[in-house]
Amino acid sequence: MTTPGSDTEIRLRPGAVSWREADGEVIALDLATSDYLGVNAAGRVLWTRIADGTTEPALVDALQQEFGIDRERAATDVAAFLADARTRGLLEG
């Protein structure tokens, strides 16, 4: 597990999830539970960057740029998203 705000690369854990982006939405299937995962617009921004490999600070920057929100709110949203994805076992890093 990474320290919040660290520069450790975060990416999707291979074999944990099957996903695709269609019509601006992310459609994902948790392969361990067979649950479909839905994400909002912010989640789509985070998910696509995580799929390519990124860092927590880069995710915060991406939310700020995409939605014009302050850094504190972006950091809180990123932390919550990552915590949920880690709890589900979807991430490496």
C-alpha atoms as a PDB file:
ATOM      1  CA  MET A   1       0.000   0.000   0.000  1.00  0.00           C
ATOM      2  CA  THR A   2       1.240   3.477  -0.784  1.00  0.00           C
ATOM      3  CA  THR A   3       1.507   6.469   1.469  1.00  0.00           C
ATOM      4  CA  PRO A   4      -1.123   9.075   0.546  1.00  0.00           C
ATOM      5  CA  GLY A   5       0.356  11.596  -1.838  1.00  0.00           C
ATOM      6  CA  SER A   6       3.320   9.389  -2.710  1.00  0.00           C
ATOM      7  CA  ASP A   7       4.897   9.141  -6.140  1.00  0.00           C
ATOM      8  CA  THR A   8       4.559   5.347  -6.218  1.00  0.00           C
ATOM      9  CA  GLU A   9       2.982   4.209  -9.469  1.00  0.00           C
ATOM     10  CA  ILE A  10      -0.612   3.051  -9.163  1.00  0.00           C
ATOM     11  CA  ARG A  11      -2.183   0.805 -11.778  1.00  0.00           C
ATOM     12  CA  LEU A  12      -4.938  -1.750 -12.137  1.00  0.00           C
ATOM     13  CA  ARG A  13      -3.974  -5.189 -10.854  1.00  0.00           C
ATOM     14  CA  PRO A  14      -3.746  -7.587 -13.817  1.00  0.00           C
ATOM     15  CA  GLY A  15      -6.572 -10.103 -13.813  1.00  0.00           C
ATOM     16  CA  ALA A  16      -8.612  -8.210 -11.226  1.00  0.00           C
ATOM     17  CA  VAL A  17     -10.963  -6.340 -13.499  1.00  0.00           C
ATOM     18  CA  SER A  18     -12.180  -6.274 -17.068  1.00  0.00           C
ATOM     19  CA  TRP A  19     -13.181  -2.845 -18.344  1.00  0.00           C
ATOM     20  CA  ARG A  20     -13.698  -0.617 -21.311  1.00  0.00           C
ATOM     21  CA  GLU A  21     -14.623   2.953 -22.044  1.00  0.00           C
ATOM     22  CA  ALA A  22     -17.700   3.488 -24.201  1.00  0.00           C
ATOM     23  CA  ASP A  23     -19.494   6.728 -24.965  1.00  0.00           C
ATOM     24  CA  GLY A  24     -17.510   8.548 -22.291  1.00  0.00           C
ATOM     25  CA  GLU A  25     -18.365   6.035 -19.556  1.00  0.00           C
ATOM     26  CA  VAL A  26     -16.281   3.347 -17.909  1.00  0.00           C
ATOM     27  CA  ILE A  27     -17.867  -0.086 -17.763  1.00  0.00           C
ATOM     28  CA  ALA A  28     -15.993  -2.435 -15.431  1.00  0.00           C
ATOM     29  CA  LEU A  29     -16.441  -5.951 -14.090  1.00  0.00           C
ATOM     30  CA  ASP A  30     -14.737  -7.052 -10.865  1.00  0.00           C
ATOM     31  CA  LEU A  31     -13.572 -10.531 -11.876  1.00  0.00           C
ATOM     32  CA  ALA A  32     -13.353 -11.800  -8.287  1.00  0.00           C
ATOM     33  CA  THR A  33     -16.956 -10.968  -7.395  1.00  0.00           C
ATOM     34  CA  SER A  34     -18.614 -10.655 -10.825  1.00  0.00           C
ATOM     35  CA  ASP A  35     -19.907  -7.249  -9.706  1.00  0.00           C
ATOM     36  CA  TYR A  36     -20.288  -4.507 -12.266  1.00  0.00           C
ATOM     37  CA  LEU A  37     -18.682  -1.273 -11.145  1.00  0.00           C
ATOM     38  CA  GLY A  38     -20.036   2.115 -12.040  1.00  0.00           C
ATOM     39  CA  VAL A  39     -18.079   5.323 -11.786  1.00  0.00           C
ATOM     40  CA  ASN A  40     -19.129   8.940 -12.086  1.00  0.00           C
ATOM     41  CA  ALA A  41     -17.402  11.503 -14.310  1.00  0.00           C
ATOM     42  CA  ALA A  42     -14.589  12.000 -11.795  1.00  0.00           C
ATOM     43  CA  GLY A  43     -14.194   8.243 -11.480  1.00  0.00           C
ATOM     44  CA  ARG A  44     -13.837   7.953 -15.258  1.00  0.00           C
ATOM     45  CA  VAL A  45     -10.984  10.481 -15.219  1.00  0.00           C
ATOM     46  CA  LEU A  46      -9.249   8.590 -12.406  1.00  0.00           C
ATOM     47  CA  TRP A  47      -9.886   5.109 -13.820  1.00  0.00           C
ATOM     48  CA  THR A  48      -8.467   5.807 -17.255  1.00  0.00           C
ATOM     49  CA  ARG A  49      -5.315   7.313 -15.781  1.00  0.00           C
ATOM     50  CA  ILE A  50      -4.865   4.452 -13.322  1.00  0.00           C
ATOM     51  CA  ALA A  51      -5.210   1.987 -16.214  1.00  0.00           C
ATOM     52  CA  ASP A  52      -2.218   3.666 -17.881  1.00  0.00           C
ATOM     53  CA  GLY A  53      -0.244   3.852 -14.625  1.00  0.00           C
ATOM     54  CA  THR A  54      -0.064   7.060 -12.621  1.00  0.00           C
ATOM     55  CA  THR A  55       0.631   8.511  -9.186  1.00  0.00           C
ATOM     56  CA  GLU A  56      -1.692   9.896  -6.549  1.00  0.00           C
ATOM     57  CA  PRO A  57      -0.458  13.493  -7.023  1.00  0.00           C
ATOM     58  CA  ALA A  58      -1.045  13.181 -10.776  1.00  0.00           C
ATOM     59  CA  LEU A  59      -4.607  12.011 -10.111  1.00  0.00           C
ATOM     60  CA  VAL A  60      -5.219  15.028  -7.881  1.00  0.00           C
ATOM     61  CA  ASP A  61      -3.873  17.301 -10.623  1.00  0.00           C
ATOM     62  CA  ALA A  62      -6.121  15.617 -13.195  1.00  0.00           C
ATOM     63  CA  LEU A  63      -9.264  16.211 -11.134  1.00  0.00           C
ATOM     64  CA  GLN A  64      -8.324  19.823 -10.520  1.00  0.00           C
ATOM     65  CA  GLN A  65      -7.771  20.447 -14.212  1.00  0.00           C
ATOM     66  CA  GLU A  66     -10.840  18.557 -15.408  1.00  0.00           C
ATOM     67  CA  PHE A  67     -13.351  19.955 -12.915  1.00  0.00           C
ATOM     68  CA  GLY A  68     -11.803  23.190 -11.637  1.00  0.00           C
ATOM     69  CA  ILE A  69     -12.006  22.112  -7.999  1.00  0.00           C
ATOM     70  CA  ASP A  70      -9.595  23.061  -5.230  1.00  0.00           C
ATOM     71  CA  ARG A  71      -6.670  20.805  -4.354  1.00  0.00           C
ATOM     72  CA  GLU A  72      -8.065  19.756  -0.965  1.00  0.00           C
ATOM     73  CA  ARG A  73     -11.330  18.522  -2.467  1.00  0.00           C
ATOM     74  CA  ALA A  74      -9.510  16.783  -5.316  1.00  0.00           C
ATOM     75  CA  ALA A  75      -7.170  15.050  -2.841  1.00  0.00           C
ATOM     76  CA  THR A  76     -10.120  13.912  -0.720  1.00  0.00           C
ATOM     77  CA  ASP A  77     -11.948  12.534  -3.759  1.00  0.00           C
ATOM     78  CA  VAL A  78      -8.844  10.727  -5.018  1.00  0.00           C
ATOM     79  CA  ALA A  79      -8.150   9.219  -1.586  1.00  0.00           C
ATOM     80  CA  ALA A  80     -11.725   7.912  -1.327  1.00  0.00           C
ATOM     81  CA  PHE A  81     -11.623   6.435  -4.844  1.00  0.00           C
ATOM     82  CA  LEU A  82      -8.274   4.735  -4.224  1.00  0.00           C
ATOM     83  CA  ALA A  83      -9.376   3.399  -0.823  1.00  0.00           C
ATOM     84  CA  ASP A  84     -12.432   1.760  -2.393  1.00  0.00           C
ATOM     85  CA  ALA A  85     -10.432   0.300  -5.285  1.00  0.00           C
ATOM     86  CA  ARG A  86      -7.785  -1.032  -2.880  1.00  0.00           C
ATOM     87  CA  THR A  87     -10.429  -2.590  -0.631  1.00  0.00           C
ATOM     88  CA  ARG A  88     -11.762  -4.403  -3.704  1.00  0.00           C
ATOM     89  CA  GLY A  89      -8.230  -5.593  -4.560  1.00  0.00           C
ATOM     90  CA  LEU A  90      -8.209  -3.826  -7.923  1.00  0.00           C
ATOM     91  CA  LEU A  91      -4.939  -1.896  -7.612  1.00  0.00           C
ATOM     92  CA  GLU A  92      -1.202  -2.427  -7.558  1.00  0.00           C
ATOM     93  CA  GLY A  93       0.904   0.200  -5.868  1.00  0.00           C
END
